[in-house]
Amino acid sequence: MVSKQRLGGEPAKTASETETEPSASKDASMPATDDPLGYDTRDPSWVRKAAEDALSGADKDAIEKEVDAALRRWRFRD
């Protein structure tokens, strides 16, 4: 049996009671950027296309640019 209360007596929220926010609004310090690779991640077939592109070396410059930007954002590079 699952309890409907949290520790401290506070009732647990149901999925319909939780607030939802777009992920972009959670991190306002991260500027919006263009996606140079442009994969539509709503379509599961993007995974195969991304893998084929990676193995063939297509978009190598765009991939290196994205990796560099991520490492800078995570402060692994200056």
C-alpha atoms as a PDB file:
ATOM      1  CA  MET A   1       0.000   0.000   0.000  1.00  0.00           C
ATOM      2  CA  VAL A   2       1.344   3.427  -0.969  1.00  0.00           C
ATOM      3  CA  SER A   3       0.946   6.337   1.404  1.00  0.00           C
ATOM      4  CA  LYS A   4      -0.759   9.457   0.077  1.00  0.00           C
ATOM      5  CA  GLN A   5       1.212  11.670   2.469  1.00  0.00           C
ATOM      6  CA  ARG A   6       4.809  12.850   2.449  1.00  0.00           C
ATOM      7  CA  LEU A   7       7.029  12.930   5.470  1.00  0.00           C
ATOM      8  CA  GLY A   8       5.864  15.674   7.797  1.00  0.00           C
ATOM      9  CA  GLY A   9       2.188  15.065   7.053  1.00  0.00           C
ATOM     10  CA  GLU A  10       2.091  17.039   3.778  1.00  0.00           C
ATOM     11  CA  PRO A  11      -0.197  15.379   1.209  1.00  0.00           C
ATOM     12  CA  ALA A  12       1.574  14.133  -1.917  1.00  0.00           C
ATOM     13  CA  LYS A  13       0.767  15.917  -5.179  1.00  0.00           C
ATOM     14  CA  THR A  14      -0.767  14.048  -8.063  1.00  0.00           C
ATOM     15  CA  ALA A  15       0.506  14.487 -11.601  1.00  0.00           C
ATOM     16  CA  SER A  16      -2.377  16.848 -12.397  1.00  0.00           C
ATOM     17  CA  GLU A  17      -1.500  19.071  -9.431  1.00  0.00           C
ATOM     18  CA  THR A  18       2.158  19.583 -10.262  1.00  0.00           C
ATOM     19  CA  GLU A  19       3.199  22.700 -12.124  1.00  0.00           C
ATOM     20  CA  THR A  20       4.776  22.240 -15.503  1.00  0.00           C
ATOM     21  CA  GLU A  21       7.237  24.689 -17.005  1.00  0.00           C
ATOM     22  CA  PRO A  22       9.097  24.588 -20.270  1.00  0.00           C
ATOM     23  CA  SER A  23      12.667  23.411 -19.643  1.00  0.00           C
ATOM     24  CA  ALA A  24      14.073  26.566 -21.242  1.00  0.00           C
ATOM     25  CA  SER A  25      12.494  28.765 -18.574  1.00  0.00           C
ATOM     26  CA  LYS A  26      14.198  26.817 -15.782  1.00  0.00           C
ATOM     27  CA  ASP A  27      17.647  27.979 -16.848  1.00  0.00           C
ATOM     28  CA  ALA A  28      17.288  31.611 -17.863  1.00  0.00           C
ATOM     29  CA  SER A  29      21.081  32.065 -17.978  1.00  0.00           C
ATOM     30  CA  MET A  30      21.380  29.742 -20.975  1.00  0.00           C
ATOM     31  CA  PRO A  31      20.856  31.721 -24.188  1.00  0.00           C
ATOM     32  CA  ALA A  32      18.754  30.264 -26.981  1.00  0.00           C
ATOM     33  CA  THR A  33      20.958  28.976 -29.792  1.00  0.00           C
ATOM     34  CA  ASP A  34      20.380  27.692 -33.278  1.00  0.00           C
ATOM     35  CA  ASP A  35      20.589  23.955 -33.756  1.00  0.00           C
ATOM     36  CA  PRO A  36      23.064  23.570 -36.614  1.00  0.00           C
ATOM     37  CA  LEU A  37      22.311  19.859 -36.954  1.00  0.00           C
ATOM     38  CA  GLY A  38      18.557  20.418 -37.077  1.00  0.00           C
ATOM     39  CA  TYR A  39      17.324  16.960 -36.087  1.00  0.00           C
ATOM     40  CA  ASP A  40      13.612  16.782 -35.309  1.00  0.00           C
ATOM     41  CA  THR A  41      13.731  14.847 -32.043  1.00  0.00           C
ATOM     42  CA  ARG A  42       9.944  14.418 -32.053  1.00  0.00           C
ATOM     43  CA  ASP A  43      10.462  11.798 -34.787  1.00  0.00           C
ATOM     44  CA  PRO A  44      12.254   8.693 -33.444  1.00  0.00           C
ATOM     45  CA  SER A  45      13.966   8.126 -36.796  1.00  0.00           C
ATOM     46  CA  TRP A  46      16.290  11.060 -36.008  1.00  0.00           C
ATOM     47  CA  VAL A  47      18.468   8.661 -34.013  1.00  0.00           C
ATOM     48  CA  ARG A  48      19.312   6.563 -37.073  1.00  0.00           C
ATOM     49  CA  LYS A  49      20.006   9.692 -39.155  1.00  0.00           C
ATOM     50  CA  ALA A  50      22.255  11.134 -36.432  1.00  0.00           C
ATOM     51  CA  ALA A  51      24.176   7.846 -36.158  1.00  0.00           C
ATOM     52  CA  GLU A  52      24.612   7.596 -39.936  1.00  0.00           C
ATOM     53  CA  ASP A  53      25.796  11.205 -40.095  1.00  0.00           C
ATOM     54  CA  ALA A  54      28.240  10.657 -37.247  1.00  0.00           C
ATOM     55  CA  LEU A  55      29.724   7.518 -38.799  1.00  0.00           C
ATOM     56  CA  SER A  56      30.071   9.145 -42.220  1.00  0.00           C
ATOM     57  CA  GLY A  57      31.659  12.304 -40.836  1.00  0.00           C
ATOM     58  CA  ALA A  58      28.833  14.506 -42.104  1.00  0.00           C
ATOM     59  CA  ASP A  59      28.357  17.722 -40.144  1.00  0.00           C
ATOM     60  CA  LYS A  60      31.728  17.236 -38.435  1.00  0.00           C
ATOM     61  CA  ASP A  61      32.267  20.992 -38.065  1.00  0.00           C
ATOM     62  CA  ALA A  62      28.781  21.558 -36.615  1.00  0.00           C
ATOM     63  CA  ILE A  63      29.262  18.692 -34.149  1.00  0.00           C
ATOM     64  CA  GLU A  64      32.618  20.063 -32.999  1.00  0.00           C
ATOM     65  CA  LYS A  65      31.025  23.495 -32.585  1.00  0.00           C
ATOM     66  CA  GLU A  66      28.210  22.062 -30.425  1.00  0.00           C
ATOM     67  CA  VAL A  67      30.640  20.055 -28.289  1.00  0.00           C
ATOM     68  CA  ASP A  68      32.848  23.115 -27.800  1.00  0.00           C
ATOM     69  CA  ALA A  69      29.822  25.245 -26.820  1.00  0.00           C
ATOM     70  CA  ALA A  70      28.666  22.587 -24.324  1.00  0.00           C
ATOM     71  CA  LEU A  71      32.120  22.313 -22.734  1.00  0.00           C
ATOM     72  CA  ARG A  72      32.259  26.106 -22.381  1.00  0.00           C
ATOM     73  CA  ARG A  73      28.739  26.204 -20.900  1.00  0.00           C
ATOM     74  CA  TRP A  74      29.715  23.529 -18.371  1.00  0.00           C
ATOM     75  CA  ARG A  75      32.939  25.475 -17.687  1.00  0.00           C
ATOM     76  CA  PHE A  76      35.232  22.675 -18.842  1.00  0.00           C
ATOM     77  CA  ARG A  77      36.769  25.146 -21.332  1.00  0.00           C
ATOM     78  CA  ASP A  78      37.438  28.869 -21.255  1.00  0.00           C
END
